Amino acid sequence: MDLLADLHAGVLDGPTADELRRQVDADPEAREVMAALDATTSDLADLPPLSIPDDVSTRIEAALQDEVHSWTRDAAPTQPVQQAPTPSSPATGEAQVVDLAAAQARRRRRTTLGTGLVGVAAAAAAVVFAVLPGTGGDDNTAQPPVPTRTAPGGSQGAPLALTGDQVTLDGQQFSQVINSDEYVSTLADPQQLLGCLQANGVRSGKPMGAREITLNGEPAQLFVLPGGGLGKFRLLAVGPDCSRGHPATLSDSTFGG
């Protein structure tokens, strides 16, 4: 996924990009990811520019006025700071007063550029949170790092414990599962895994993520699969005995979208 994102962003060197494009052309799932990235880029380009709400701008102006008045009161008993001569500020030996209107005009010019950057950042954040709802929070604590993808049959520790009639994940759990490649012992066999996926209507490709779980206390296997839409994923949970002709479906739900 990281390589596909780098390819779409055009940051790979020439030979690597050429080799990856050949692999993408032969991989339906990779082409779907690239199409989703194209759609996201188009959606972001269509977003309107952001602007500061009038009430916020009014409070900023009032705060600036208060700050200027505070500076004036605090500076009155002290020796004025001498200003260097400038074309618009002759060397009179007196402290020069900052023109508030001019300062505000300069601030507005800087705000125009800053607003554009904020718009890009906000749009990017909107995409991230659309795909990973529930991440972050209201506090300032650091979020745990995204785990690295494990080898098939490898372990990230205890199975992810879930409850309910259908599998639901928060953003952190989804990140853990999609970055995992962990299978219960029976499904670590490629042929049984393929038969299990086909029994559940998955006709091609490999799961985007896989993780051992317990569902209502029972061992199970969770797959993350393409969900057929931008930022939409299929969460398929099956029993360890899932195989060709025996779907053993425990839960079939969606995430994002």
C-alpha atoms as a PDB file:
ATOM      1  CA  MET A   1       0.000   0.000   0.000  1.00  0.00           C
ATOM      2  CA  ASP A   2       2.857   2.385   0.812  1.00  0.00           C
ATOM      3  CA  LEU A   3       4.537   1.659  -2.516  1.00  0.00           C
ATOM      4  CA  LEU A   4       1.294   2.247  -4.411  1.00  0.00           C
ATOM      5  CA  ALA A   5       0.831   5.571  -2.630  1.00  0.00           C
ATOM      6  CA  ASP A   6       4.417   6.559  -3.490  1.00  0.00           C
ATOM      7  CA  LEU A   7       3.865   5.529  -7.106  1.00  0.00           C
ATOM      8  CA  HIS A   8       0.691   7.610  -7.311  1.00  0.00           C
ATOM      9  CA  ALA A   9       2.478  10.582  -5.735  1.00  0.00           C
ATOM     10  CA  GLY A  10       5.332  10.310  -8.250  1.00  0.00           C
ATOM     11  CA  VAL A  11       8.110  10.092  -5.658  1.00  0.00           C
ATOM     12  CA  LEU A  12       9.686   6.801  -6.778  1.00  0.00           C
ATOM     13  CA  ASP A  13      12.790   6.665  -8.946  1.00  0.00           C
ATOM     14  CA  GLY A  14      12.317   5.815 -12.629  1.00  0.00           C
ATOM     15  CA  PRO A  15      13.289   2.116 -12.672  1.00  0.00           C
ATOM     16  CA  THR A  16      11.316   1.341  -9.500  1.00  0.00           C
ATOM     17  CA  ALA A  17       8.242   3.169 -10.813  1.00  0.00           C
ATOM     18  CA  ASP A  18       8.423   1.358 -14.183  1.00  0.00           C
ATOM     19  CA  GLU A  19       8.712  -2.058 -12.525  1.00  0.00           C
ATOM     20  CA  LEU A  20       5.863  -1.280 -10.122  1.00  0.00           C
ATOM     21  CA  ARG A  21       3.594  -0.095 -12.950  1.00  0.00           C
ATOM     22  CA  ARG A  22       4.090  -3.434 -14.701  1.00  0.00           C
ATOM     23  CA  GLN A  23       3.065  -5.236 -11.510  1.00  0.00           C
ATOM     24  CA  VAL A  24       0.048  -2.944 -11.067  1.00  0.00           C
ATOM     25  CA  ASP A  25      -1.129  -3.657 -14.618  1.00  0.00           C
ATOM     26  CA  ALA A  26      -1.183  -7.372 -13.807  1.00  0.00           C
ATOM     27  CA  ASP A  27      -2.874  -7.012 -10.393  1.00  0.00           C
ATOM     28  CA  PRO A  28      -6.637  -6.167 -10.247  1.00  0.00           C
ATOM     29  CA  GLU A  29      -6.475  -5.176  -6.569  1.00  0.00           C
ATOM     30  CA  ALA A  30      -3.549  -2.836  -7.182  1.00  0.00           C
ATOM     31  CA  ARG A  31      -5.438  -1.217 -10.072  1.00  0.00           C
ATOM     32  CA  GLU A  32      -8.423  -0.735  -7.744  1.00  0.00           C
ATOM     33  CA  VAL A  33      -6.205   1.007  -5.187  1.00  0.00           C
ATOM     34  CA  MET A  34      -4.752   3.311  -7.866  1.00  0.00           C
ATOM     35  CA  ALA A  35      -8.268   4.124  -9.088  1.00  0.00           C
ATOM     36  CA  ALA A  36      -9.294   4.973  -5.518  1.00  0.00           C
ATOM     37  CA  LEU A  37      -6.277   7.281  -5.180  1.00  0.00           C
ATOM     38  CA  ASP A  38      -7.229   8.985  -8.461  1.00  0.00           C
ATOM     39  CA  ALA A  39     -10.772   9.476  -7.172  1.00  0.00           C
ATOM     40  CA  THR A  40      -9.502  10.887  -3.879  1.00  0.00           C
ATOM     41  CA  THR A  41      -7.261  13.361  -5.694  1.00  0.00           C
ATOM     42  CA  SER A  42     -10.216  14.470  -7.805  1.00  0.00           C
ATOM     43  CA  ASP A  43     -12.448  14.852  -4.723  1.00  0.00           C
ATOM     44  CA  LEU A  44      -9.838  16.974  -2.944  1.00  0.00           C
ATOM     45  CA  ALA A  45      -9.410  19.201  -6.005  1.00  0.00           C
ATOM     46  CA  ASP A  46     -13.164  19.930  -5.978  1.00  0.00           C
ATOM     47  CA  LEU A  47     -13.250  21.083  -2.347  1.00  0.00           C
ATOM     48  CA  PRO A  48     -14.028  24.796  -1.875  1.00  0.00           C
ATOM     49  CA  PRO A  49     -11.362  27.016  -0.299  1.00  0.00           C
ATOM     50  CA  LEU A  50     -11.564  27.423   3.457  1.00  0.00           C
ATOM     51  CA  SER A  51     -12.139  30.821   5.058  1.00  0.00           C
ATOM     52  CA  ILE A  52     -12.090  32.123   8.618  1.00  0.00           C
ATOM     53  CA  PRO A  53     -15.646  32.465  10.018  1.00  0.00           C
ATOM     54  CA  ASP A  54     -16.693  36.075  10.630  1.00  0.00           C
ATOM     55  CA  ASP A  55     -17.120  35.581  14.377  1.00  0.00           C
ATOM     56  CA  VAL A  56     -13.612  34.123  14.681  1.00  0.00           C
ATOM     57  CA  SER A  57     -12.136  36.966  12.626  1.00  0.00           C
ATOM     58  CA  THR A  58     -13.935  39.491  14.842  1.00  0.00           C
ATOM     59  CA  ARG A  59     -12.521  37.918  18.007  1.00  0.00           C
ATOM     60  CA  ILE A  60      -9.019  37.937  16.508  1.00  0.00           C
ATOM     61  CA  GLU A  61      -9.308  41.638  15.650  1.00  0.00           C
ATOM     62  CA  ALA A  62     -10.554  42.418  19.158  1.00  0.00           C
ATOM     63  CA  ALA A  63      -7.704  40.434  20.714  1.00  0.00           C
ATOM     64  CA  LEU A  64      -5.173  42.332  18.575  1.00  0.00           C
ATOM     65  CA  GLN A  65      -6.663  45.665  19.646  1.00  0.00           C
ATOM     66  CA  ASP A  66      -6.498  44.622  23.303  1.00  0.00           C
ATOM     67  CA  GLU A  67      -2.892  43.513  22.873  1.00  0.00           C
ATOM     68  CA  VAL A  68      -1.884  46.832  21.288  1.00  0.00           C
ATOM     69  CA  HIS A  69      -3.563  48.751  24.104  1.00  0.00           C
ATOM     70  CA  SER A  70      -1.816  46.529  26.639  1.00  0.00           C
ATOM     71  CA  TRP A  71       1.555  47.213  25.018  1.00  0.00           C
ATOM     72  CA  THR A  72       0.851  50.960  25.118  1.00  0.00           C
ATOM     73  CA  ARG A  73      -0.046  50.913  28.832  1.00  0.00           C
ATOM     74  CA  ASP A  74       2.919  48.714  29.770  1.00  0.00           C
ATOM     75  CA  ALA A  75       5.402  50.795  27.770  1.00  0.00           C
ATOM     76  CA  ALA A  76       4.300  54.200  29.109  1.00  0.00           C
ATOM     77  CA  PRO A  77       6.540  54.320  32.257  1.00  0.00           C
ATOM     78  CA  THR A  78       9.604  53.001  30.462  1.00  0.00           C
ATOM     79  CA  GLN A  79      12.127  54.575  28.128  1.00  0.00           C
ATOM     80  CA  PRO A  80      10.795  54.384  24.528  1.00  0.00           C
ATOM     81  CA  VAL A  81      12.729  52.112  22.211  1.00  0.00           C
ATOM     82  CA  GLN A  82      14.493  54.152  19.541  1.00  0.00           C
ATOM     83  CA  GLN A  83      13.653  53.132  15.979  1.00  0.00           C
ATOM     84  CA  ALA A  84      16.184  53.085  13.176  1.00  0.00           C
ATOM     85  CA  PRO A  85      15.422  55.666  10.474  1.00  0.00           C
ATOM     86  CA  THR A  86      13.370  54.365   7.560  1.00  0.00           C
ATOM     87  CA  PRO A  87      11.979  56.134   4.477  1.00  0.00           C
ATOM     88  CA  SER A  88       8.554  56.292   6.130  1.00  0.00           C
ATOM     89  CA  SER A  89       9.876  56.800   9.674  1.00  0.00           C
ATOM     90  CA  PRO A  90      12.214  59.798   9.957  1.00  0.00           C
ATOM     91  CA  ALA A  91      14.837  59.919  12.710  1.00  0.00           C
ATOM     92  CA  THR A  92      12.929  62.158  15.094  1.00  0.00           C
ATOM     93  CA  GLY A  93      14.344  60.554  18.210  1.00  0.00           C
ATOM     94  CA  GLU A  94      10.845  59.409  19.238  1.00  0.00           C
ATOM     95  CA  ALA A  95       9.467  55.884  19.333  1.00  0.00           C
ATOM     96  CA  GLN A  96       7.434  55.050  16.234  1.00  0.00           C
ATOM     97  CA  VAL A  97       3.855  53.776  16.626  1.00  0.00           C
ATOM     98  CA  VAL A  98       2.886  50.749  14.592  1.00  0.00           C
ATOM     99  CA  ASP A  99       0.031  51.467  12.187  1.00  0.00           C
ATOM    100  CA  LEU A 100      -2.606  48.883  13.164  1.00  0.00           C
ATOM    101  CA  ALA A 101      -4.386  48.996   9.795  1.00  0.00           C
ATOM    102  CA  ALA A 102      -1.136  48.308   7.953  1.00  0.00           C
ATOM    103  CA  ALA A 103      -0.287  45.476  10.318  1.00  0.00           C
ATOM    104  CA  GLN A 104      -3.726  43.979   9.803  1.00  0.00           C
ATOM    105  CA  ALA A 105      -3.336  44.210   6.029  1.00  0.00           C
ATOM    106  CA  ARG A 106      -0.017  42.368   6.219  1.00  0.00           C
ATOM    107  CA  ARG A 107      -1.592  39.753   8.472  1.00  0.00           C
ATOM    108  CA  ARG A 108      -4.456  39.260   5.990  1.00  0.00           C
ATOM    109  CA  ARG A 109      -1.968  38.653   3.179  1.00  0.00           C
ATOM    110  CA  ARG A 110      -0.206  36.041   5.300  1.00  0.00           C
ATOM    111  CA  THR A 111      -3.559  34.552   6.288  1.00  0.00           C
ATOM    112  CA  THR A 112      -4.459  34.056   2.608  1.00  0.00           C
ATOM    113  CA  LEU A 113      -1.451  31.800   2.128  1.00  0.00           C
ATOM    114  CA  GLY A 114      -1.964  30.135   5.482  1.00  0.00           C
ATOM    115  CA  THR A 115      -5.616  29.422   4.681  1.00  0.00           C
ATOM    116  CA  GLY A 116      -4.615  27.603   1.515  1.00  0.00           C
ATOM    117  CA  LEU A 117      -2.198  25.398   3.447  1.00  0.00           C
ATOM    118  CA  VAL A 118      -4.790  24.766   6.151  1.00  0.00           C
ATOM    119  CA  GLY A 119      -7.265  23.763   3.435  1.00  0.00           C
ATOM    120  CA  VAL A 120      -4.905  21.136   2.082  1.00  0.00           C
ATOM    121  CA  ALA A 121      -4.159  19.804   5.560  1.00  0.00           C
ATOM    122  CA  ALA A 122      -7.825  19.702   6.517  1.00  0.00           C
ATOM    123  CA  ALA A 123      -8.767  17.907   3.301  1.00  0.00           C
ATOM    124  CA  ALA A 124      -6.063  15.323   3.858  1.00  0.00           C
ATOM    125  CA  ALA A 125      -7.184  14.861   7.459  1.00  0.00           C
ATOM    126  CA  ALA A 126     -10.772  14.412   6.277  1.00  0.00           C
ATOM    127  CA  VAL A 127      -9.712  11.559   4.017  1.00  0.00           C
ATOM    128  CA  VAL A 128      -7.689   9.902   6.787  1.00  0.00           C
ATOM    129  CA  PHE A 129     -10.531  10.095   9.301  1.00  0.00           C
ATOM    130  CA  ALA A 130     -13.048   8.888   6.698  1.00  0.00           C
ATOM    131  CA  VAL A 131     -10.952   5.760   6.310  1.00  0.00           C
ATOM    132  CA  LEU A 132      -9.956   5.432   9.968  1.00  0.00           C
ATOM    133  CA  PRO A 133     -12.812   6.731  12.143  1.00  0.00           C
ATOM    134  CA  GLY A 134     -12.187   6.701  15.853  1.00  0.00           C
ATOM    135  CA  THR A 135      -8.480   7.504  15.698  1.00  0.00           C
ATOM    136  CA  GLY A 136      -7.022  10.311  17.772  1.00  0.00           C
ATOM    137  CA  GLY A 137      -9.065  11.953  20.475  1.00  0.00           C
ATOM    138  CA  ASP A 138      -9.586  15.159  22.367  1.00  0.00           C
ATOM    139  CA  ASP A 139      -6.426  14.831  24.453  1.00  0.00           C
ATOM    140  CA  ASN A 140      -2.843  15.390  23.365  1.00  0.00           C
ATOM    141  CA  THR A 141      -1.550  11.894  24.028  1.00  0.00           C
ATOM    142  CA  ALA A 142       0.444  10.266  21.264  1.00  0.00           C
ATOM    143  CA  GLN A 143      -1.290   7.509  19.344  1.00  0.00           C
ATOM    144  CA  PRO A 144       0.352   4.065  19.239  1.00  0.00           C
ATOM    145  CA  PRO A 145       2.408   3.379  16.115  1.00  0.00           C
ATOM    146  CA  VAL A 146       0.926   1.354  13.295  1.00  0.00           C
ATOM    147  CA  PRO A 147       2.189  -2.216  13.666  1.00  0.00           C
ATOM    148  CA  THR A 148       4.347  -3.695  10.959  1.00  0.00           C
ATOM    149  CA  ARG A 149       2.935  -6.427   8.751  1.00  0.00           C
ATOM    150  CA  THR A 150       3.736  -9.869  10.082  1.00  0.00           C
ATOM    151  CA  ALA A 151       4.582 -12.908   8.031  1.00  0.00           C
ATOM    152  CA  PRO A 152       1.854 -15.505   7.327  1.00  0.00           C
ATOM    153  CA  GLY A 153       1.367 -17.584  10.429  1.00  0.00           C
ATOM    154  CA  GLY A 154       3.316 -15.048  12.484  1.00  0.00           C
ATOM    155  CA  SER A 155       1.923 -13.612  15.688  1.00  0.00           C
ATOM    156  CA  GLN A 156       1.284 -10.119  17.005  1.00  0.00           C
ATOM    157  CA  GLY A 157       0.431 -11.476  20.444  1.00  0.00           C
ATOM    158  CA  ALA A 158      -2.921 -12.568  21.809  1.00  0.00           C
ATOM    159  CA  PRO A 159      -5.795 -12.768  19.304  1.00  0.00           C
ATOM    160  CA  LEU A 160      -7.897  -9.612  19.022  1.00  0.00           C
ATOM    161  CA  ALA A 161     -10.910 -10.134  21.321  1.00  0.00           C
ATOM    162  CA  LEU A 162     -14.233  -8.997  19.796  1.00  0.00           C
ATOM    163  CA  THR A 163     -17.871  -9.443  20.772  1.00  0.00           C
ATOM    164  CA  GLY A 164     -21.255  -9.004  19.114  1.00  0.00           C
ATOM    165  CA  ASP A 165     -23.295 -10.477  16.286  1.00  0.00           C
ATOM    166  CA  GLN A 166     -21.231  -8.578  13.684  1.00  0.00           C
ATOM    167  CA  VAL A 167     -17.584  -7.571  13.735  1.00  0.00           C
ATOM    168  CA  THR A 168     -17.122  -3.845  14.317  1.00  0.00           C
ATOM    169  CA  LEU A 169     -13.715  -2.178  14.618  1.00  0.00           C
ATOM    170  CA  ASP A 170     -12.545   1.217  15.775  1.00  0.00           C
ATOM    171  CA  GLY A 171      -9.808   3.017  13.856  1.00  0.00           C
ATOM    172  CA  GLN A 172      -6.944   1.643  15.933  1.00  0.00           C
ATOM    173  CA  GLN A 173      -8.206  -1.947  15.652  1.00  0.00           C
ATOM    174  CA  PHE A 174      -8.722  -1.580  11.903  1.00  0.00           C
ATOM    175  CA  SER A 175      -5.162  -0.270  11.524  1.00  0.00           C
ATOM    176  CA  GLN A 176      -3.854  -3.307  13.418  1.00  0.00           C
ATOM    177  CA  VAL A 177      -5.785  -5.783  11.290  1.00  0.00           C
ATOM    178  CA  ILE A 178      -5.062  -4.279   7.870  1.00  0.00           C
ATOM    179  CA  ASN A 179      -1.351  -4.145   8.702  1.00  0.00           C
ATOM    180  CA  SER A 180      -1.315  -7.780   9.805  1.00  0.00           C
ATOM    181  CA  ASP A 181      -0.796 -10.992   7.825  1.00  0.00           C
ATOM    182  CA  GLU A 182      -1.633 -13.460  10.585  1.00  0.00           C
ATOM    183  CA  TYR A 183      -3.636 -16.658  10.132  1.00  0.00           C
ATOM    184  CA  VAL A 184      -4.972 -19.399  12.366  1.00  0.00           C
ATOM    185  CA  SER A 185      -3.021 -22.612  11.872  1.00  0.00           C
ATOM    186  CA  THR A 186      -5.550 -24.249   9.549  1.00  0.00           C
ATOM    187  CA  LEU A 187      -5.724 -21.244   7.231  1.00  0.00           C
ATOM    188  CA  ALA A 188      -1.957 -20.778   7.074  1.00  0.00           C
ATOM    189  CA  ASP A 189      -2.115 -23.427   4.332  1.00  0.00           C
ATOM    190  CA  PRO A 190      -2.452 -21.491   1.025  1.00  0.00           C
ATOM    191  CA  GLN A 191      -4.790 -24.027  -0.560  1.00  0.00           C
ATOM    192  CA  GLN A 192      -7.193 -24.080   2.388  1.00  0.00           C
ATOM    193  CA  LEU A 193      -7.050 -20.276   2.555  1.00  0.00           C
ATOM    194  CA  LEU A 194      -7.908 -20.021  -1.137  1.00  0.00           C
ATOM    195  CA  GLY A 195     -10.754 -22.489  -0.769  1.00  0.00           C
ATOM    196  CA  CYS A 196     -12.095 -20.587   2.252  1.00  0.00           C
ATOM    197  CA  LEU A 197     -12.039 -17.257   0.418  1.00  0.00           C
ATOM    198  CA  GLN A 198     -13.726 -18.721  -2.652  1.00  0.00           C
ATOM    199  CA  ALA A 199     -16.412 -20.315  -0.473  1.00  0.00           C
ATOM    200  CA  ASN A 200     -17.156 -16.794   0.815  1.00  0.00           C
ATOM    201  CA  GLY A 201     -17.387 -15.258  -2.651  1.00  0.00           C
ATOM    202  CA  VAL A 202     -13.849 -13.872  -2.867  1.00  0.00           C
ATOM    203  CA  ARG A 203     -12.801 -14.742  -6.399  1.00  0.00           C
ATOM    204  CA  SER A 204      -9.357 -13.215  -6.748  1.00  0.00           C
ATOM    205  CA  GLY A 205      -6.499 -11.704  -4.845  1.00  0.00           C
ATOM    206  CA  LYS A 206      -5.279 -12.012  -1.294  1.00  0.00           C
ATOM    207  CA  PRO A 207      -6.790 -10.362   1.813  1.00  0.00           C
ATOM    208  CA  MET A 208      -5.596  -6.804   2.385  1.00  0.00           C
ATOM    209  CA  GLY A 209      -5.133  -7.763   6.034  1.00  0.00           C
ATOM    210  CA  ALA A 210      -5.647 -10.839   8.204  1.00  0.00           C
ATOM    211  CA  ARG A 211      -5.674 -11.322  11.979  1.00  0.00           C
ATOM    212  CA  GLU A 212      -6.469 -14.066  14.446  1.00  0.00           C
ATOM    213  CA  ILE A 213      -9.385 -13.010  16.665  1.00  0.00           C
ATOM    214  CA  THR A 214     -11.821 -14.376  19.185  1.00  0.00           C
ATOM    215  CA  LEU A 215     -15.474 -13.601  18.502  1.00  0.00           C
ATOM    216  CA  ASN A 216     -17.643 -13.932  21.585  1.00  0.00           C
ATOM    217  CA  GLY A 217     -14.870 -16.034  23.111  1.00  0.00           C
ATOM    218  CA  GLU A 218     -14.542 -18.449  20.168  1.00  0.00           C
ATOM    219  CA  PRO A 219     -11.416 -18.589  17.948  1.00  0.00           C
ATOM    220  CA  ALA A 220     -11.883 -17.105  14.492  1.00  0.00           C
ATOM    221  CA  GLN A 221     -10.092 -15.576  11.535  1.00  0.00           C
ATOM    222  CA  LEU A 222     -10.739 -11.998  10.407  1.00  0.00           C
ATOM    223  CA  PHE A 223     -10.020 -10.806   6.854  1.00  0.00           C
ATOM    224  CA  VAL A 224      -9.992  -7.240   5.498  1.00  0.00           C
ATOM    225  CA  LEU A 225     -11.122  -7.265   1.858  1.00  0.00           C
ATOM    226  CA  PRO A 226     -11.939  -4.561  -0.714  1.00  0.00           C
ATOM    227  CA  GLY A 227     -15.420  -3.201  -0.071  1.00  0.00           C
ATOM    228  CA  GLY A 228     -16.289  -1.967  -3.539  1.00  0.00           C
ATOM    229  CA  GLY A 229     -16.095   1.766  -2.796  1.00  0.00           C
ATOM    230  CA  LEU A 230     -13.713   4.565  -1.872  1.00  0.00           C
ATOM    231  CA  GLY A 231     -12.524   4.001   1.697  1.00  0.00           C
ATOM    232  CA  LYS A 232     -14.911   1.055   2.108  1.00  0.00           C
ATOM    233  CA  PHE A 233     -13.712  -2.352   3.292  1.00  0.00           C
ATOM    234  CA  ARG A 234     -15.320  -5.744   3.872  1.00  0.00           C
ATOM    235  CA  LEU A 235     -14.689  -7.352   7.268  1.00  0.00           C
ATOM    236  CA  LEU A 236     -15.134 -11.117   6.931  1.00  0.00           C
ATOM    237  CA  ALA A 237     -14.833 -13.323  10.022  1.00  0.00           C
ATOM    238  CA  VAL A 238     -14.779 -17.115   9.593  1.00  0.00           C
ATOM    239  CA  GLY A 239     -14.252 -20.141  11.770  1.00  0.00           C
ATOM    240  CA  PRO A 240     -10.937 -22.032  11.750  1.00  0.00           C
ATOM    241  CA  ASP A 241     -12.584 -24.893   9.798  1.00  0.00           C
ATOM    242  CA  CYS A 242     -13.359 -22.630   6.814  1.00  0.00           C
ATOM    243  CA  SER A 243     -12.400 -24.392   3.591  1.00  0.00           C
ATOM    244  CA  ARG A 244     -13.493 -25.053   0.027  1.00  0.00           C
ATOM    245  CA  GLY A 245     -17.241 -25.594  -0.015  1.00  0.00           C
ATOM    246  CA  HIS A 246     -17.499 -24.748   3.713  1.00  0.00           C
ATOM    247  CA  PRO A 247     -17.597 -20.934   4.242  1.00  0.00           C
ATOM    248  CA  ALA A 248     -17.917 -21.142   8.067  1.00  0.00           C
ATOM    249  CA  THR A 249     -18.985 -17.480   8.010  1.00  0.00           C
ATOM    250  CA  LEU A 250     -19.331 -15.929  11.448  1.00  0.00           C
ATOM    251  CA  SER A 251     -19.675 -12.253  10.485  1.00  0.00           C
ATOM    252  CA  ASP A 252     -19.717 -10.268   7.231  1.00  0.00           C
ATOM    253  CA  SER A 253     -19.724  -6.495   7.790  1.00  0.00           C
ATOM    254  CA  THR A 254     -18.215  -3.317   6.360  1.00  0.00           C
ATOM    255  CA  PHE A 255     -15.875  -0.603   7.588  1.00  0.00           C
ATOM    256  CA  GLY A 256     -15.646   2.963   6.297  1.00  0.00           C
ATOM    257  CA  GLY A 257     -17.123   4.020   2.997  1.00  0.00           C
END
